[in-house]
Each structure stands twice: as C-alpha cells, then as structure tokens.
Amino acid sequence: MEQNKRFEVFGTLTKTEVIFTIDQKILPGTLVFEALKPFPGYYSDSPTGAKPVYLYLVLEEQYTLEEMLRATQKIQLEFDIHFDAGKGFLYVFDTKYDVLRIRHLEDYNLLEKLQRLFIENGIQFLHKSKKLKDELVKIRIIKFFDLEEIAEKIYLDKREKNHAYIEIPRHLSWEEFEVLNIKVKHNWIESKFDAAMGAFYYDGGLHDVVRIYSEQIGTDYLQELRKLYLSKMS
C-alpha cells in the first residue's frame, strides 16, 4: 500500500473503558452508558468537558451493519449537528449488550432527539434499568476507518485526533493482548498512551493492529513503539 495515501477500510476495535449509566436527557426508560474514562491507559483522571465523548445506546436487538449505516446516513441528512455512529457490543460481567456507539455529539440535549430519529428509521432501543457506576467493561466496535499510512505499517486516523494504528504480525487473544500491553508499558520511557486491539480488512485479508491514543503521536514515536511491540511479541 502506497505510503501517505488516504484510504478507507472496514475493521474492528476491542478495548476496555470505565462506564456509568446516565438517566437524564435520554429517551425515558432506555438504557444508555457513558464512558467515564474513554482512554484509561492515558488519562489518570477523566477528561473534563461539557459534552460527551463516547455514549453507548443499548439496542433492543442486534441490527446488521447495513441497517445501522442506512439509518445513520438518513439521519445525518435531517440532523443539523454532525455525529459519528458505530455498531458495537458491550460486555458487562456475563451480559452482552448490542449497542449503538455515538461519538462527537456536541450537546447532551441532542441525545433524546437523536434516539427518536433512530427509532423513526427502524432502530429500536432496549427499555431496561441498570445502574452502573465506574465499571470497567470490555467493548467491541465495528466501523469504517479513514486512514493515512505515514510509514510502513503505521497509520494515522484522519477522522479522530490523536489516534493512530501500528500493524502487528498476528492475531492475539484478548488475554494475550493485555499481557503484551503490560510488557510494553513497563519498557516504554516516552510519553504514555492508551492501547486497543484492532483489525482492518483490506487487500483481501485481515491485518491486526494496535490502536494508539496519545497527544504526542508522531512518526518517530509510533515507529519506536511498534518496534517495542514486535520485540515483546517474539
């Protein structure tokens, strides 16, 4: 793949986040989680701000990616505020929830309106009460990524600031990934980062990656970090 070429791929991300239940400014009776610490490996405290970073709207059933994309595309034409939506799964203890992940929503006051628009377009939300406070959960997101390859097997996310991806040679189980991250962070002397496990589909196959979140992202930083990941995998 030609470096510095911008391209879009289909892929997945698996990560952990600290979440809590929100019960205000949502469609009454629905179940909505918010990420308290969206990048737990990077922030020691949750980032401050008056708008949500990640919201997880629990769905009544599992919808196909096509159904989610069609509904989102139609709503974007009606909704005067831009947002990003993704299909996902959220694992709380032994329960798996199908979720609609919302990113870049400018104001909590828009959330109920957005939920109603999704309902009008065939996406129904689960009506259930569950109180969570500061719970660490595993989340898997399915989405399209807008990338630029800035060096060999190193990619910048062109839609998400401070997000990059380093390719690794093989698939890891979640347990293997967690162990690998501990080894890397114990041997990393540069600025800290948050990591998630991912995979992209392009050129007829799956390519395993580590998503890196850091405000210090640069080519040299990512190249050195990739070398460390590869050395700890061997």
Protein backbone atom coordinates (compact mmCIF):
# COMPACT_ATOMS: atom_id res chain seq x y z
CA MET A 1 0.00 0.00 0.00
CA GLU A 2 1.43 3.37 -1.03
CA GLN A 3 2.53 5.46 1.94
CA ASN A 4 0.82 8.81 2.59
CA LYS A 5 -2.17 7.64 0.59
CA ARG A 6 -5.51 8.19 2.28
CA PHE A 7 -7.89 5.22 2.18
CA GLU A 8 -10.91 3.80 3.98
CA VAL A 9 -11.11 0.31 5.46
CA PHE A 10 -13.58 -1.81 7.38
CA GLY A 11 -12.46 -3.01 10.79
CA THR A 12 -13.00 -3.64 14.47
CA LEU A 13 -11.65 -2.34 17.77
CA THR A 14 -11.70 -4.09 21.13
CA LYS A 15 -10.91 -2.10 24.26
CA THR A 16 -11.75 -1.54 27.89
CA GLU A 17 -13.45 1.55 29.26
CA VAL A 18 -14.84 2.72 32.57
CA ILE A 19 -18.54 3.43 32.08
CA PHE A 20 -21.57 4.55 34.07
CA THR A 21 -25.31 4.69 33.46
CA ILE A 22 -26.90 8.00 32.57
CA ASP A 23 -30.61 8.64 33.17
CA GLN A 24 -31.06 12.28 32.22
CA LYS A 25 -31.63 13.83 28.79
CA ILE A 26 -32.32 10.41 27.28
CA LEU A 27 -35.48 8.78 25.95
CA PRO A 28 -37.30 7.72 29.14
CA GLY A 29 -36.81 4.07 30.05
CA THR A 30 -33.92 3.41 27.67
CA LEU A 31 -30.52 2.17 28.78
CA VAL A 32 -27.57 4.44 27.96
CA PHE A 33 -23.97 4.19 29.16
CA GLU A 34 -21.31 6.86 29.03
CA ALA A 35 -17.56 6.40 29.11
CA LEU A 36 -16.10 7.99 32.24
CA LYS A 37 -12.51 7.33 31.13
CA PRO A 38 -12.51 6.84 27.35
CA PHE A 39 -8.76 6.17 27.25
CA PRO A 40 -7.95 4.57 30.62
CA GLY A 41 -4.33 3.87 29.76
CA TYR A 42 -3.69 7.53 29.02
CA TYR A 43 -5.68 9.65 31.45
CA SER A 44 -5.24 9.27 35.17
CA ASP A 45 -8.40 11.33 35.57
CA SER A 46 -11.34 11.59 33.21
CA PRO A 47 -11.03 14.39 30.63
CA THR A 48 -13.16 17.36 31.52
CA GLY A 49 -15.73 18.92 29.21
CA ALA A 50 -19.38 19.77 28.86
CA LYS A 51 -20.04 17.34 26.01
CA PRO A 52 -19.94 13.53 25.93
CA VAL A 53 -17.01 11.69 24.42
CA TYR A 54 -18.46 8.18 24.00
CA LEU A 55 -22.09 7.20 24.52
CA TYR A 56 -23.37 3.63 24.25
CA LEU A 57 -27.09 3.32 23.50
CA VAL A 58 -28.29 -0.22 24.21
CA LEU A 59 -30.34 -1.74 21.39
CA GLU A 60 -33.41 -3.96 21.61
CA GLU A 61 -31.87 -6.45 19.17
CA GLN A 62 -28.80 -6.97 17.02
CA TYR A 63 -29.05 -5.00 13.79
CA THR A 64 -26.89 -5.59 10.75
CA LEU A 65 -24.15 -3.11 9.93
CA GLU A 66 -26.04 -2.19 6.76
CA GLU A 67 -29.18 -1.38 8.74
CA MET A 68 -27.18 0.82 11.12
CA LEU A 69 -25.37 2.59 8.29
CA ARG A 70 -28.54 3.28 6.33
CA ALA A 71 -30.30 4.71 9.37
CA THR A 72 -27.27 6.85 10.28
CA GLN A 73 -26.88 8.15 6.73
CA LYS A 74 -30.53 9.17 6.56
CA ILE A 75 -30.45 10.83 9.98
CA GLN A 76 -27.32 12.81 9.09
CA LEU A 77 -29.34 14.46 6.31
CA GLU A 78 -32.06 15.50 8.79
CA PHE A 79 -29.91 16.23 11.83
CA ASP A 80 -28.27 19.66 11.77
CA ILE A 81 -25.43 18.57 14.07
CA HIS A 82 -22.71 16.17 12.93
CA PHE A 83 -22.13 12.97 14.91
CA ASP A 84 -20.40 9.65 14.39
CA ALA A 85 -22.18 6.33 14.95
CA GLY A 86 -20.82 2.80 15.16
CA LYS A 87 -22.15 -0.69 15.79
CA GLY A 88 -20.79 -2.44 18.83
CA PHE A 89 -21.02 -4.91 21.69
CA LEU A 90 -20.55 -4.05 25.34
CA TYR A 91 -19.75 -6.77 27.87
CA VAL A 92 -20.84 -6.15 31.47
CA PHE A 93 -19.99 -9.08 33.72
CA ASP A 94 -21.65 -12.06 31.95
CA THR A 95 -24.08 -9.96 29.88
CA LYS A 96 -23.51 -8.83 26.30
CA TYR A 97 -25.36 -5.75 25.08
CA ASP A 98 -25.77 -4.76 21.45
CA VAL A 99 -25.05 -1.04 21.33
CA LEU A 100 -25.05 1.97 19.10
CA ARG A 101 -21.86 3.91 19.87
CA ILE A 102 -22.23 7.67 19.48
CA ARG A 103 -19.20 9.94 19.16
CA HIS A 104 -18.83 13.69 18.56
CA LEU A 105 -22.26 14.68 19.88
CA GLU A 106 -21.94 18.35 20.73
CA ASP A 107 -24.53 18.54 23.50
CA TYR A 108 -26.33 16.15 25.83
CA ASN A 109 -29.56 17.98 24.97
CA LEU A 110 -29.42 16.45 21.48
CA LEU A 111 -29.42 12.86 22.70
CA GLU A 112 -33.15 12.25 23.10
CA LYS A 113 -33.85 13.80 19.70
CA LEU A 114 -31.21 11.56 18.15
CA GLN A 115 -32.74 8.47 19.77
CA ARG A 116 -36.17 9.36 18.38
CA LEU A 117 -34.73 9.78 14.89
CA PHE A 118 -33.13 6.33 15.04
CA ILE A 119 -36.47 4.84 16.14
CA GLU A 120 -38.17 6.52 13.18
CA ASN A 121 -35.60 4.82 10.99
CA GLY A 122 -36.16 1.32 12.35
CA ILE A 123 -33.57 1.12 15.15
CA GLN A 124 -35.22 0.28 18.48
CA PHE A 125 -33.69 0.76 21.91
CA LEU A 126 -33.83 -1.58 24.88
CA HIS A 127 -36.09 -0.45 27.70
CA LYS A 128 -34.39 -1.62 30.85
CA SER A 129 -32.98 -0.18 34.04
CA LYS A 130 -29.43 -0.99 35.11
CA LYS A 131 -27.34 1.19 37.38
CA LEU A 132 -23.59 1.12 36.83
CA LYS A 133 -21.07 3.45 38.38
CA ASP A 134 -17.39 3.45 37.41
CA GLU A 135 -17.49 -0.07 35.98
CA LEU A 136 -14.60 -1.33 33.82
CA VAL A 137 -16.07 -3.16 30.81
CA LYS A 138 -14.91 -4.61 27.50
CA ILE A 139 -16.25 -3.06 24.30
CA ARG A 140 -16.00 -4.18 20.68
CA ILE A 141 -16.77 -1.68 17.92
CA ILE A 142 -17.37 -2.42 14.22
CA LYS A 143 -16.83 0.55 11.92
CA PHE A 144 -15.07 2.06 8.92
CA PHE A 145 -11.72 3.79 9.39
CA ASP A 146 -10.34 6.71 7.37
CA LEU A 147 -6.57 6.17 7.34
CA GLU A 148 -3.30 7.53 6.03
CA GLU A 149 -0.21 5.33 6.01
CA ILE A 150 2.62 7.61 7.21
CA ALA A 151 5.31 4.91 7.44
CA GLU A 152 5.50 1.20 6.80
CA LYS A 153 2.58 -0.47 8.65
CA ILE A 154 1.82 2.73 10.60
CA TYR A 155 -1.42 4.61 10.06
CA LEU A 156 -2.95 7.86 11.23
CA ASP A 157 -6.70 8.15 11.74
CA LYS A 158 -7.88 11.09 9.63
CA ARG A 159 -11.18 11.44 11.45
CA GLU A 160 -10.08 11.02 15.05
CA LYS A 161 -7.46 13.34 16.50
CA ASN A 162 -4.56 11.68 18.37
CA HIS A 163 -5.49 8.20 17.08
CA ALA A 164 -3.01 6.01 15.20
CA TYR A 165 -2.57 2.33 14.41
CA ILE A 166 0.52 0.13 14.30
CA GLU A 167 0.31 -3.18 12.47
CA ILE A 168 1.41 -6.37 14.22
CA PRO A 169 2.15 -9.72 12.55
CA ARG A 170 -0.53 -11.94 14.08
CA HIS A 171 -3.84 -12.08 15.88
CA LEU A 172 -3.82 -12.10 19.67
CA SER A 173 -6.47 -13.25 22.10
CA TRP A 174 -7.69 -10.55 24.47
CA GLU A 175 -5.73 -12.13 27.30
CA GLU A 176 -2.53 -12.19 25.20
CA PHE A 177 -3.10 -8.57 24.24
CA GLU A 178 -3.44 -7.46 27.86
CA VAL A 179 -0.21 -9.24 28.82
CA LEU A 180 1.60 -7.72 25.84
CA ASN A 181 0.48 -4.22 26.79
CA ILE A 182 1.81 -4.62 30.31
CA LYS A 183 5.19 -5.72 28.96
CA VAL A 184 5.35 -2.80 26.52
CA LYS A 185 4.34 -0.14 29.04
CA HIS A 186 6.86 -1.38 31.57
CA ASN A 187 9.59 -0.86 28.99
CA TRP A 188 8.37 2.40 27.41
CA ILE A 189 10.10 5.58 28.56
CA GLU A 190 8.37 8.09 26.27
CA SER A 191 5.02 9.78 26.99
CA LYS A 192 2.21 7.43 27.98
CA PHE A 193 -0.50 6.14 25.67
CA ASP A 194 -3.71 4.15 25.64
CA ALA A 195 -3.92 0.99 23.50
CA ALA A 196 -6.76 -1.04 22.00
CA MET A 197 -6.75 -4.20 19.90
CA GLY A 198 -7.97 -3.93 16.32
CA ALA A 199 -8.12 -5.45 12.87
CA PHE A 200 -8.54 -3.96 9.39
CA TYR A 201 -9.78 -5.73 6.29
CA TYR A 202 -8.04 -4.66 3.08
CA ASP A 203 -6.20 -6.16 0.12
CA GLY A 204 -8.24 -9.33 0.53
CA GLY A 205 -7.25 -10.13 4.10
CA LEU A 206 -7.28 -9.18 7.78
CA HIS A 207 -4.45 -7.09 9.23
CA ASP A 208 -4.05 -6.98 13.01
CA VAL A 209 -3.27 -3.62 14.60
CA VAL A 210 -2.87 -1.87 17.91
CA ARG A 211 -4.76 1.41 18.22
CA ILE A 212 -2.63 4.03 19.94
CA TYR A 213 -4.10 7.13 21.58
CA SER A 214 -1.67 9.85 22.62
CA GLU A 215 -1.36 13.60 22.29
CA GLN A 216 2.31 13.06 21.37
CA ILE A 217 1.68 10.95 18.26
CA GLY A 218 4.31 11.32 15.53
CA THR A 219 6.10 9.09 13.04
CA ASP A 220 9.22 8.52 15.16
CA TYR A 221 7.15 7.92 18.29
CA LEU A 222 4.99 5.32 16.53
CA GLN A 223 7.91 3.58 14.83
CA GLU A 224 9.71 3.12 18.13
CA LEU A 225 6.53 1.95 19.81
CA ARG A 226 5.89 -0.58 17.05
CA LYS A 227 9.44 -1.93 17.39
CA LEU A 228 8.83 -2.44 21.10
CA TYR A 229 5.53 -4.25 20.49
CA LEU A 230 7.18 -6.54 17.95
CA SER A 231 10.10 -7.30 20.25
CA LYS A 232 7.77 -8.23 23.12
CA MET A 233 5.73 -10.49 20.83
CA SER A 234 8.75 -12.58 19.84
